[in-house]
Amino acid sequence: MSAPSRPSLIDRVQEHERQWGTENYPGRLSLAEILNAAVVAFWQTSKNGKPLEKPIITVHHNLDDIENWFMKSISRAYLETPDRRLLAVYRNGKAVRVKSVKVTFEVEDA
């Protein structure tokens, strides 16, 4: 049995555009900026701890920003609730998934 297929980048962008219509949010990108970006991320944001209904989109030159966000989320999880949750990532138009996460501990010399 195969895994369920993920929505394509175009499908997600179309859904985003339908949900937001002519409304705006800080940093909202044009369709051209989204479709020409190397990395596109979809986020579920929250306000006062409650998730907002409409996802937002950010674009990136590479996956480093997404990886850094994951690492900060892991290391700060006990301090604060994140104000956004990653829904999907696309690189060069193709869906990306987290393959593995590795945390290595080392004993400090006194």
PDB file of N, CA and C in Angstrom:
ATOM      1  N   MET A   1       0.849  -1.177   0.000  1.00  0.00           N
ATOM      2  CA  MET A   1       0.000   0.000   0.000  1.00  0.00           C
ATOM      3  C   MET A   1       0.894   1.240   0.000  1.00  0.00           C
ATOM      4  N   SER A   2       0.650   2.163  -0.894  1.00  0.00           N
ATOM      5  CA  SER A   2       1.493   3.350  -0.998  1.00  0.00           C
ATOM      6  C   SER A   2       1.005   4.445  -0.053  1.00  0.00           C
ATOM      7  N   ALA A   3       1.930   5.337   0.270  1.00  0.00           N
ATOM      8  CA  ALA A   3       1.596   6.454   1.148  1.00  0.00           C
ATOM      9  C   ALA A   3       0.666   7.412   0.406  1.00  0.00           C
ATOM     10  N   PRO A   4      -0.212   8.097   1.143  1.00  0.00           N
ATOM     11  CA  PRO A   4      -1.095   9.051   0.476  1.00  0.00           C
ATOM     12  C   PRO A   4      -0.275  10.158  -0.176  1.00  0.00           C
ATOM     13  N   SER A   5      -0.731  10.597  -1.333  1.00  0.00           N
ATOM     14  CA  SER A   5       0.028  11.633  -2.035  1.00  0.00           C
ATOM     15  C   SER A   5      -0.177  12.981  -1.350  1.00  0.00           C
ATOM     16  N   ARG A   6       0.848  13.782  -1.405  1.00  0.00           N
ATOM     17  CA  ARG A   6       0.794  15.115  -0.817  1.00  0.00           C
ATOM     18  C   ARG A   6       0.286  16.089  -1.877  1.00  0.00           C
ATOM     19  N   PRO A   7      -0.364  17.148  -1.440  1.00  0.00           N
ATOM     20  CA  PRO A   7      -0.781  18.148  -2.425  1.00  0.00           C
ATOM     21  C   PRO A   7       0.441  18.741  -3.130  1.00  0.00           C
ATOM     22  N   SER A   8       0.294  19.042  -4.395  1.00  0.00           N
ATOM     23  CA  SER A   8       1.391  19.661  -5.139  1.00  0.00           C
ATOM     24  C   SER A   8       1.550  21.111  -4.693  1.00  0.00           C
ATOM     25  N   LEU A   9       2.673  21.698  -5.044  1.00  0.00           N
ATOM     26  CA  LEU A   9       2.909  23.109  -4.726  1.00  0.00           C
ATOM     27  C   LEU A   9       1.798  23.964  -5.322  1.00  0.00           C
ATOM     28  N   ILE A  10       1.461  23.714  -6.580  1.00  0.00           N
ATOM     29  CA  ILE A  10       0.412  24.504  -7.241  1.00  0.00           C
ATOM     30  C   ILE A  10      -0.910  24.368  -6.492  1.00  0.00           C
ATOM     31  N   ASP A  11      -1.257  23.158  -6.078  1.00  0.00           N
ATOM     32  CA  ASP A  11      -2.503  22.951  -5.325  1.00  0.00           C
ATOM     33  C   ASP A  11      -2.504  23.755  -4.032  1.00  0.00           C
ATOM     34  N   ARG A  12      -1.392  23.723  -3.311  1.00  0.00           N
ATOM     35  CA  ARG A  12      -1.310  24.471  -2.043  1.00  0.00           C
ATOM     36  C   ARG A  12      -1.366  25.980  -2.279  1.00  0.00           C
ATOM     37  N   VAL A  13      -0.684  26.443  -3.312  1.00  0.00           N
ATOM     38  CA  VAL A  13      -0.696  27.882  -3.614  1.00  0.00           C
ATOM     39  C   VAL A  13      -2.110  28.317  -3.998  1.00  0.00           C
ATOM     40  N   GLN A  14      -2.794  27.526  -4.807  1.00  0.00           N
ATOM     41  CA  GLN A  14      -4.167  27.864  -5.195  1.00  0.00           C
ATOM     42  C   GLN A  14      -5.078  27.922  -3.972  1.00  0.00           C
ATOM     43  N   GLU A  15      -4.934  26.962  -3.071  1.00  0.00           N
ATOM     44  CA  GLU A  15      -5.736  26.956  -1.841  1.00  0.00           C
ATOM     45  C   GLU A  15      -5.432  28.197  -1.006  1.00  0.00           C
ATOM     46  N   HIS A  16      -4.165  28.540  -0.885  1.00  0.00           N
ATOM     47  CA  HIS A  16      -3.745  29.741  -0.158  1.00  0.00           C
ATOM     48  C   HIS A  16      -4.398  30.981  -0.762  1.00  0.00           C
ATOM     49  N   GLU A  17      -4.354  31.089  -2.079  1.00  0.00           N
ATOM     50  CA  GLU A  17      -4.926  32.256  -2.755  1.00  0.00           C
ATOM     51  C   GLU A  17      -6.442  32.311  -2.561  1.00  0.00           C
ATOM     52  N   ARG A  18      -7.113  31.174  -2.609  1.00  0.00           N
ATOM     53  CA  ARG A  18      -8.568  31.146  -2.380  1.00  0.00           C
ATOM     54  C   ARG A  18      -8.892  31.582  -0.950  1.00  0.00           C
ATOM     55  N   GLN A  19      -8.111  31.093   0.019  1.00  0.00           N
ATOM     56  CA  GLN A  19      -8.381  31.422   1.420  1.00  0.00           C
ATOM     57  C   GLN A  19      -8.146  32.901   1.714  1.00  0.00           C
ATOM     58  N   TRP A  20      -7.075  33.458   1.178  1.00  0.00           N
ATOM     59  CA  TRP A  20      -6.727  34.831   1.498  1.00  0.00           C
ATOM     60  C   TRP A  20      -7.404  35.851   0.584  1.00  0.00           C
ATOM     61  N   GLY A  21      -7.668  35.484  -0.662  1.00  0.00           N
ATOM     62  CA  GLY A  21      -8.298  36.428  -1.587  1.00  0.00           C
ATOM     63  C   GLY A  21      -7.508  37.720  -1.660  1.00  0.00           C
ATOM     64  N   THR A  22      -8.187  38.843  -1.437  1.00  0.00           N
ATOM     65  CA  THR A  22      -7.512  40.146  -1.502  1.00  0.00           C
ATOM     66  C   THR A  22      -7.000  40.606  -0.141  1.00  0.00           C
ATOM     67  N   GLU A  23      -7.262  39.806   0.913  1.00  0.00           N
ATOM     68  CA  GLU A  23      -6.712  40.145   2.233  1.00  0.00           C
ATOM     69  C   GLU A  23      -5.195  40.060   2.189  1.00  0.00           C
ATOM     70  N   ASN A  24      -4.565  40.771   3.074  1.00  0.00           N
ATOM     71  CA  ASN A  24      -3.107  40.780   3.100  1.00  0.00           C
ATOM     72  C   ASN A  24      -2.609  40.384   4.484  1.00  0.00           C
ATOM     73  N   TYR A  25      -1.360  39.980   4.553  1.00  0.00           N
ATOM     74  CA  TYR A  25      -0.673  39.770   5.823  1.00  0.00           C
ATOM     75  C   TYR A  25       0.756  40.257   5.648  1.00  0.00           C
ATOM     76  N   PRO A  26       1.436  40.621   6.729  1.00  0.00           N
ATOM     77  CA  PRO A  26       2.803  41.138   6.596  1.00  0.00           C
ATOM     78  C   PRO A  26       3.697  40.144   5.860  1.00  0.00           C
ATOM     79  N   GLY A  27       4.337  40.613   4.814  1.00  0.00           N
ATOM     80  CA  GLY A  27       5.253  39.765   4.058  1.00  0.00           C
ATOM     81  C   GLY A  27       4.579  38.897   3.015  1.00  0.00           C
ATOM     82  N   ARG A  28       3.279  39.114   2.765  1.00  0.00           N
ATOM     83  CA  ARG A  28       2.601  38.292   1.752  1.00  0.00           C
ATOM     84  C   ARG A  28       3.281  38.497   0.404  1.00  0.00           C
ATOM     85  N   LEU A  29       3.552  37.393  -0.252  1.00  0.00           N
ATOM     86  CA  LEU A  29       4.318  37.400  -1.493  1.00  0.00           C
ATOM     87  C   LEU A  29       3.407  37.375  -2.710  1.00  0.00           C
ATOM     88  N   SER A  30       3.954  37.828  -3.829  1.00  0.00           N
ATOM     89  CA  SER A  30       3.213  37.738  -5.086  1.00  0.00           C
ATOM     90  C   SER A  30       3.275  36.300  -5.592  1.00  0.00           C
ATOM     91  N   LEU A  31       2.380  35.975  -6.486  1.00  0.00           N
ATOM     92  CA  LEU A  31       2.362  34.641  -7.075  1.00  0.00           C
ATOM     93  C   LEU A  31       3.688  34.348  -7.771  1.00  0.00           C
ATOM     94  N   ALA A  32       4.233  35.327  -8.472  1.00  0.00           N
ATOM     95  CA  ALA A  32       5.518  35.145  -9.169  1.00  0.00           C
ATOM     96  C   ALA A  32       6.641  34.855  -8.181  1.00  0.00           C
ATOM     97  N   GLU A  33       6.670  35.571  -7.049  1.00  0.00           N
ATOM     98  CA  GLU A  33       7.711  35.334  -6.040  1.00  0.00           C
ATOM     99  C   GLU A  33       7.625  33.914  -5.484  1.00  0.00           C
ATOM    100  N   ILE A  34       6.414  33.442  -5.269  1.00  0.00           N
ATOM    101  CA  ILE A  34       6.224  32.091  -4.729  1.00  0.00           C
ATOM    102  C   ILE A  34       6.677  31.046  -5.737  1.00  0.00           C
ATOM    103  N   LEU A  35       6.207  31.171  -6.965  1.00  0.00           N
ATOM    104  CA  LEU A  35       6.491  30.150  -7.976  1.00  0.00           C
ATOM    105  C   LEU A  35       7.945  30.148  -8.439  1.00  0.00           C
ATOM    106  N   ASN A  36       8.648  31.262  -8.267  1.00  0.00           N
ATOM    107  CA  ASN A  36      10.053  31.340  -8.685  1.00  0.00           C
ATOM    108  C   ASN A  36      11.038  31.065  -7.555  1.00  0.00           C
ATOM    109  N   ALA A  37      10.545  30.822  -6.355  1.00  0.00           N
ATOM    110  CA  ALA A  37      11.423  30.607  -5.201  1.00  0.00           C
ATOM    111  C   ALA A  37      12.008  29.199  -5.210  1.00  0.00           C
ATOM    112  N   ALA A  38      13.228  29.082  -4.704  1.00  0.00           N
ATOM    113  CA  ALA A  38      13.874  27.767  -4.585  1.00  0.00           C
ATOM    114  C   ALA A  38      13.178  26.920  -3.522  1.00  0.00           C
ATOM    115  N   VAL A  39      12.813  27.547  -2.405  1.00  0.00           N
ATOM    116  CA  VAL A  39      12.155  26.833  -1.303  1.00  0.00           C
ATOM    117  C   VAL A  39      10.922  27.631  -0.880  1.00  0.00           C
ATOM    118  N   VAL A  40       9.795  26.938  -0.791  1.00  0.00           N
ATOM    119  CA  VAL A  40       8.532  27.548  -0.371  1.00  0.00           C
ATOM    120  C   VAL A  40       8.036  26.787   0.856  1.00  0.00           C
ATOM    121  N   ALA A  41       7.718  27.525   1.917  1.00  0.00           N
ATOM    122  CA  ALA A  41       7.224  26.901   3.148  1.00  0.00           C
ATOM    123  C   ALA A  41       5.829  27.425   3.474  1.00  0.00           C
ATOM    124  N   PHE A  42       4.970  26.530   3.923  1.00  0.00           N
ATOM    125  CA  PHE A  42       3.617  26.872   4.351  1.00  0.00           C
ATOM    126  C   PHE A  42       3.565  26.701   5.863  1.00  0.00           C
ATOM    127  N   TRP A  43       3.036  27.714   6.550  1.00  0.00           N
ATOM    128  CA  TRP A  43       3.024  27.741   8.011  1.00  0.00           C
ATOM    129  C   TRP A  43       1.615  27.953   8.538  1.00  0.00           C
ATOM    130  N   GLN A  44       1.306  27.285   9.638  1.00  0.00           N
ATOM    131  CA  GLN A  44       0.088  27.566  10.394  1.00  0.00           C
ATOM    132  C   GLN A  44       0.512  28.493  11.520  1.00  0.00           C
ATOM    133  N   THR A  45      -0.041  29.678  11.557  1.00  0.00           N
ATOM    134  CA  THR A  45       0.334  30.637  12.592  1.00  0.00           C
ATOM    135  C   THR A  45      -0.719  30.645  13.698  1.00  0.00           C
ATOM    136  N   SER A  46      -0.358  31.265  14.804  1.00  0.00           N
ATOM    137  CA  SER A  46      -1.305  31.359  15.911  1.00  0.00           C
ATOM    138  C   SER A  46      -1.244  32.753  16.511  1.00  0.00           C
ATOM    139  N   LYS A  47      -2.317  33.105  17.175  1.00  0.00           N
ATOM    140  CA  LYS A  47      -2.391  34.388  17.863  1.00  0.00           C
ATOM    141  C   LYS A  47      -2.955  34.109  19.251  1.00  0.00           C
ATOM    142  N   ASN A  48      -2.245  34.551  20.262  1.00  0.00           N
ATOM    143  CA  ASN A  48      -2.642  34.302  21.650  1.00  0.00           C
ATOM    144  C   ASN A  48      -2.844  32.812  21.920  1.00  0.00           C
ATOM    145  N   GLY A  49      -1.988  31.992  21.304  1.00  0.00           N
ATOM    146  CA  GLY A  49      -2.034  30.556  21.527  1.00  0.00           C
ATOM    147  C   GLY A  49      -3.094  29.812  20.739  1.00  0.00           C
ATOM    148  N   LYS A  50      -3.879  30.535  19.933  1.00  0.00           N
ATOM    149  CA  LYS A  50      -4.929  29.889  19.143  1.00  0.00           C
ATOM    150  C   LYS A  50      -4.536  29.903  17.667  1.00  0.00           C
ATOM    151  N   PRO A  51      -4.598  28.735  16.997  1.00  0.00           N
ATOM    152  CA  PRO A  51      -4.220  28.678  15.578  1.00  0.00           C
ATOM    153  C   PRO A  51      -5.152  29.525  14.715  1.00  0.00           C
ATOM    154  N   LEU A  52      -4.567  30.227  13.765  1.00  0.00           N
ATOM    155  CA  LEU A  52      -5.354  30.979  12.793  1.00  0.00           C
ATOM    156  C   LEU A  52      -5.735  30.036  11.656  1.00  0.00           C
ATOM    157  N   GLU A  53      -6.850  30.306  11.015  1.00  0.00           N
ATOM    158  CA  GLU A  53      -7.375  29.395  10.002  1.00  0.00           C
ATOM    159  C   GLU A  53      -6.555  29.366   8.717  1.00  0.00           C
ATOM    160  N   LYS A  54      -5.989  30.485   8.341  1.00  0.00           N
ATOM    161  CA  LYS A  54      -5.332  30.575   7.038  1.00  0.00           C
ATOM    162  C   LYS A  54      -3.818  30.450   7.171  1.00  0.00           C
ATOM    163  N   PRO A  55      -3.210  29.566   6.396  1.00  0.00           N
ATOM    164  CA  PRO A  55      -1.744  29.442   6.443  1.00  0.00           C
ATOM    165  C   PRO A  55      -1.067  30.616   5.743  1.00  0.00           C
ATOM    166  N   ILE A  56       0.181  30.852   6.102  1.00  0.00           N
ATOM    167  CA  ILE A  56       0.980  31.862   5.407  1.00  0.00           C
ATOM    168  C   ILE A  56       2.111  31.156   4.663  1.00  0.00           C
ATOM    169  N   ILE A  57       2.716  31.883   3.726  1.00  0.00           N
ATOM    170  CA  ILE A  57       3.800  31.335   2.912  1.00  0.00           C
ATOM    171  C   ILE A  57       5.050  32.172   3.124  1.00  0.00           C
ATOM    172  N   THR A  58       6.190  31.487   3.239  1.00  0.00           N
ATOM    173  CA  THR A  58       7.490  32.159   3.206  1.00  0.00           C
ATOM    174  C   THR A  58       8.327  31.491   2.126  1.00  0.00           C
ATOM    175  N   VAL A  59       9.275  32.249   1.582  1.00  0.00           N
ATOM    176  CA  VAL A  59      10.182  31.686   0.576  1.00  0.00           C
ATOM    177  C   VAL A  59      11.615  31.825   1.074  1.00  0.00           C
ATOM    178  N   HIS A  60      12.477  30.916   0.599  1.00  0.00           N
ATOM    179  CA  HIS A  60      13.851  30.852   1.081  1.00  0.00           C
ATOM    180  C   HIS A  60      14.779  30.458  -0.061  1.00  0.00           C
ATOM    181  N   HIS A  61      16.054  30.814   0.059  1.00  0.00           N
ATOM    182  CA  HIS A  61      17.048  30.456  -0.960  1.00  0.00           C
ATOM    183  C   HIS A  61      17.426  28.982  -0.888  1.00  0.00           C
ATOM    184  N   ASN A  62      17.362  28.423   0.335  1.00  0.00           N
ATOM    185  CA  ASN A  62      17.707  27.008   0.527  1.00  0.00           C
ATOM    186  C   ASN A  62      16.982  26.504   1.772  1.00  0.00           C
ATOM    187  N   LEU A  63      17.252  25.272   2.140  1.00  0.00           N
ATOM    188  CA  LEU A  63      16.557  24.665   3.280  1.00  0.00           C
ATOM    189  C   LEU A  63      17.161  25.022   4.636  1.00  0.00           C
ATOM    190  N   ASP A  64      18.243  25.784   4.655  1.00  0.00           N
ATOM    191  CA  ASP A  64      18.914  26.120   5.916  1.00  0.00           C
ATOM    192  C   ASP A  64      17.983  26.820   6.909  1.00  0.00           C
ATOM    193  N   ASP A  65      17.169  27.767   6.425  1.00  0.00           N
ATOM    194  CA  ASP A  65      16.260  28.481   7.325  1.00  0.00           C
ATOM    195  C   ASP A  65      15.262  27.532   7.981  1.00  0.00           C
ATOM    196  N   ILE A  66      14.781  26.570   7.215  1.00  0.00           N
ATOM    197  CA  ILE A  66      13.818  25.607   7.746  1.00  0.00           C
ATOM    198  C   ILE A  66      14.499  24.713   8.787  1.00  0.00           C
ATOM    199  N   GLU A  67      15.692  24.264   8.470  1.00  0.00           N
ATOM    200  CA  GLU A  67      16.448  23.436   9.416  1.00  0.00           C
ATOM    201  C   GLU A  67      16.722  24.209  10.704  1.00  0.00           C
ATOM    202  N   ASN A  68      17.113  25.468  10.583  1.00  0.00           N
ATOM    203  CA  ASN A  68      17.371  26.291  11.769  1.00  0.00           C
ATOM    204  C   ASN A  68      16.108  26.459  12.608  1.00  0.00           C
ATOM    205  N   TRP A  69      14.959  26.625  11.961  1.00  0.00           N
ATOM    206  CA  TRP A  69      13.699  26.750  12.686  1.00  0.00           C
ATOM    207  C   TRP A  69      13.421  25.472  13.484  1.00  0.00           C
ATOM    208  N   PHE A  70      13.642  24.306  12.851  1.00  0.00           N
ATOM    209  CA  PHE A  70      13.444  23.038  13.554  1.00  0.00           C
ATOM    210  C   PHE A  70      14.349  22.951  14.773  1.00  0.00           C
ATOM    211  N   MET A  71      15.600  23.286  14.614  1.00  0.00           N
ATOM    212  CA  MET A  71      16.539  23.187  15.732  1.00  0.00           C
ATOM    213  C   MET A  71      16.145  24.131  16.866  1.00  0.00           C
ATOM    214  N   LYS A  72      15.733  25.342  16.540  1.00  0.00           N
ATOM    215  CA  LYS A  72      15.289  26.279  17.575  1.00  0.00           C
ATOM    216  C   LYS A  72      14.025  25.766  18.261  1.00  0.00           C
ATOM    217  N   SER A  73      13.129  25.172  17.482  1.00  0.00           N
ATOM    218  CA  SER A  73      11.895  24.634  18.061  1.00  0.00           C
ATOM    219  C   SER A  73      12.193  23.532  19.061  1.00  0.00           C
ATOM    220  N   ILE A  74      13.131  22.681  18.717  1.00  0.00           N
ATOM    221  CA  ILE A  74      13.501  21.582  19.610  1.00  0.00           C
ATOM    222  C   ILE A  74      14.165  22.123  20.871  1.00  0.00           C
ATOM    223  N   SER A  75      15.088  23.043  20.708  1.00  0.00           N
ATOM    224  CA  SER A  75      15.854  23.522  21.857  1.00  0.00           C
ATOM    225  C   SER A  75      15.068  24.479  22.747  1.00  0.00           C
ATOM    226  N   ARG A  76      14.031  25.112  22.220  1.00  0.00           N
ATOM    227  CA  ARG A  76      13.262  26.072  23.015  1.00  0.00           C
ATOM    228  C   ARG A  76      11.869  25.580  23.379  1.00  0.00           C
ATOM    229  N   ALA A  77      11.563  24.348  23.073  1.00  0.00           N
ATOM    230  CA  ALA A  77      10.206  23.830  23.290  1.00  0.00           C
ATOM    231  C   ALA A  77       9.760  23.980  24.737  1.00  0.00           C
ATOM    232  N   TYR A  78      10.673  23.856  25.658  1.00  0.00           N
ATOM    233  CA  TYR A  78      10.307  23.953  27.069  1.00  0.00           C
ATOM    234  C   TYR A  78      10.163  25.403  27.529  1.00  0.00           C
ATOM    235  N   LEU A  79      10.627  26.361  26.739  1.00  0.00           N
ATOM    236  CA  LEU A  79      10.565  27.765  27.134  1.00  0.00           C
ATOM    237  C   LEU A  79       9.288  28.462  26.683  1.00  0.00           C
ATOM    238  N   GLU A  80       8.879  28.189  25.453  1.00  0.00           N
ATOM    239  CA  GLU A  80       7.749  28.918  24.891  1.00  0.00           C
ATOM    240  C   GLU A  80       7.062  28.078  23.817  1.00  0.00           C
ATOM    241  N   THR A  81       5.797  28.349  23.632  1.00  0.00           N
ATOM    242  CA  THR A  81       5.056  27.687  22.569  1.00  0.00           C
ATOM    243  C   THR A  81       5.346  28.421  21.265  1.00  0.00           C
ATOM    244  N   PRO A  82       5.724  27.701  20.216  1.00  0.00           N
ATOM    245  CA  PRO A  82       6.014  28.377  18.950  1.00  0.00           C
ATOM    246  C   PRO A  82       4.772  29.087  18.409  1.00  0.00           C
ATOM    247  N   ASP A  83       4.986  30.227  17.750  1.00  0.00           N
ATOM    248  CA  ASP A  83       3.864  30.976  17.197  1.00  0.00           C
ATOM    249  C   ASP A  83       3.489  30.503  15.796  1.00  0.00           C
ATOM    250  N   ARG A  84       4.224  29.519  15.295  1.00  0.00           N
ATOM    251  CA  ARG A  84       3.877  28.956  13.992  1.00  0.00           C
ATOM    252  C   ARG A  84       4.326  27.502  13.916  1.00  0.00           C
ATOM    253  N   ARG A  85       3.634  26.773  13.048  1.00  0.00           N
ATOM    254  CA  ARG A  85       3.913  25.354  12.861  1.00  0.00           C
ATOM    255  C   ARG A  85       4.085  25.112  11.369  1.00  0.00           C
ATOM    256  N   LEU A  86       5.108  24.370  11.021  1.00  0.00           N
ATOM    257  CA  LEU A  86       5.390  24.084   9.618  1.00  0.00           C
ATOM    258  C   LEU A  86       4.381  23.078   9.083  1.00  0.00           C
ATOM    259  N   LEU A  87       3.721  23.429   7.993  1.00  0.00           N
ATOM    260  CA  LEU A  87       2.737  22.544   7.371  1.00  0.00           C
ATOM    261  C   LEU A  87       3.326  21.764   6.206  1.00  0.00           C
ATOM    262  N   ALA A  88       4.110  22.453   5.371  1.00  0.00           N
ATOM    263  CA  ALA A  88       4.664  21.806   4.175  1.00  0.00           C
ATOM    264  C   ALA A  88       5.834  22.623   3.653  1.00  0.00           C
ATOM    265  N   VAL A  89       6.759  21.925   2.998  1.00  0.00           N
ATOM    266  CA  VAL A  89       7.914  22.576   2.370  1.00  0.00           C
ATOM    267  C   VAL A  89       8.071  22.003   0.968  1.00  0.00           C
ATOM    268  N   TYR A  90       8.410  22.882   0.028  1.00  0.00           N
ATOM    269  CA  TYR A  90       8.666  22.481  -1.355  1.00  0.00           C
ATOM    270  C   TYR A  90       9.999  23.065  -1.787  1.00  0.00           C
ATOM    271  N   ARG A  91      10.804  22.243  -2.430  1.00  0.00           N
ATOM    272  CA  ARG A  91      12.089  22.697  -2.971  1.00  0.00           C
ATOM    273  C   ARG A  91      12.050  22.467  -4.474  1.00  0.00           C
ATOM    274  N   ASN A  92      12.281  23.527  -5.218  1.00  0.00           N
ATOM    275  CA  ASN A  92      12.202  23.464  -6.680  1.00  0.00           C
ATOM    276  C   ASN A  92      10.892  22.821  -7.131  1.00  0.00           C
ATOM    277  N   GLY A  93       9.809  23.168  -6.442  1.00  0.00           N
ATOM    278  CA  GLY A  93       8.479  22.700  -6.812  1.00  0.00           C
ATOM    279  C   GLY A  93       8.107  21.313  -6.329  1.00  0.00           C
ATOM    280  N   LYS A  94       9.023  20.607  -5.671  1.00  0.00           N
ATOM    281  CA  LYS A  94       8.747  19.242  -5.212  1.00  0.00           C
ATOM    282  C   LYS A  94       8.627  19.209  -3.690  1.00  0.00           C
ATOM    283  N   ALA A  95       7.691  18.392  -3.208  1.00  0.00           N
ATOM    284  CA  ALA A  95       7.470  18.273  -1.767  1.00  0.00           C
ATOM    285  C   ALA A  95       8.716  17.735  -1.075  1.00  0.00           C
ATOM    286  N   VAL A  96       8.990  18.283   0.091  1.00  0.00           N
ATOM    287  CA  VAL A  96      10.128  17.870   0.913  1.00  0.00           C
ATOM    288  C   VAL A  96       9.565  17.345   2.230  1.00  0.00           C
ATOM    289  N   ARG A  97      10.167  16.302   2.750  1.00  0.00           N
ATOM    290  CA  ARG A  97       9.773  15.792   4.062  1.00  0.00           C
ATOM    291  C   ARG A  97      11.022  15.662   4.919  1.00  0.00           C
ATOM    292  N   VAL A  98      10.823  15.676   6.214  1.00  0.00           N
ATOM    293  CA  VAL A  98      11.940  15.476   7.132  1.00  0.00           C
ATOM    294  C   VAL A  98      12.272  13.994   7.106  1.00  0.00           C
ATOM    295  N   LYS A  99      13.501  13.685   6.758  1.00  0.00           N
ATOM    296  CA  LYS A  99      13.929  12.289   6.683  1.00  0.00           C
ATOM    297  C   LYS A  99      14.435  11.805   8.032  1.00  0.00           C
ATOM    298  N   SER A 100      15.204  12.648   8.700  1.00  0.00           N
ATOM    299  CA  SER A 100      15.723  12.243   9.999  1.00  0.00           C
ATOM    300  C   SER A 100      16.124  13.469  10.801  1.00  0.00           C
ATOM    301  N   VAL A 101      16.187  13.267  12.085  1.00  0.00           N
ATOM    302  CA  VAL A 101      16.672  14.286  13.007  1.00  0.00           C
ATOM    303  C   VAL A 101      17.646  13.585  13.927  1.00  0.00           C
ATOM    304  N   LYS A 102      18.814  14.155  14.074  1.00  0.00           N
ATOM    305  CA  LYS A 102      19.817  13.530  14.927  1.00  0.00           C
ATOM    306  C   LYS A 102      20.315  14.566  15.929  1.00  0.00           C
ATOM    307  N   VAL A 103      20.223  14.218  17.181  1.00  0.00           N
ATOM    308  CA  VAL A 103      20.753  15.055  18.252  1.00  0.00           C
ATOM    309  C   VAL A 103      21.849  14.246  18.916  1.00  0.00           C
ATOM    310  N   THR A 104      23.035  14.808  18.988  1.00  0.00           N
ATOM    311  CA  THR A 104      24.171  14.116  19.582  1.00  0.00           C
ATOM    312  C   THR A 104      24.584  14.851  20.848  1.00  0.00           C
ATOM    313  N   PHE A 105      24.729  14.108  21.928  1.00  0.00           N
ATOM    314  CA  PHE A 105      25.153  14.697  23.193  1.00  0.00           C
ATOM    315  C   PHE A 105      26.623  14.395  23.432  1.00  0.00           C
ATOM    316  N   GLU A 106      27.266  15.323  24.112  1.00  0.00           N
ATOM    317  CA  GLU A 106      28.675  15.146  24.430  1.00  0.00           C
ATOM    318  C   GLU A 106      28.894  15.631  25.857  1.00  0.00           C
ATOM    319  N   VAL A 107      29.639  14.878  26.631  1.00  0.00           N
ATOM    320  CA  VAL A 107      29.956  15.269  28.001  1.00  0.00           C
ATOM    321  C   VAL A 107      31.034  16.342  27.950  1.00  0.00           C
ATOM    322  N   GLU A 108      30.789  17.424  28.669  1.00  0.00           N
ATOM    323  CA  GLU A 108      31.766  18.508  28.701  1.00  0.00           C
ATOM    324  C   GLU A 108      32.903  18.169  29.651  1.00  0.00           C
ATOM    325  N   ASP A 109      34.090  18.559  29.261  1.00  0.00           N
ATOM    326  CA  ASP A 109      35.234  18.415  30.159  1.00  0.00           C
ATOM    327  C   ASP A 109      35.165  19.523  31.196  1.00  0.00           C
ATOM    328  N   ALA A 110      35.374  19.166  32.452  1.00  0.00           N
ATOM    329  CA  ALA A 110      35.285  20.149  33.540  1.00  0.00           C
ATOM    330  C   ALA A 110      36.481  21.047  33.606  1.00  0.00           C
TER     331      ALA A 110
END
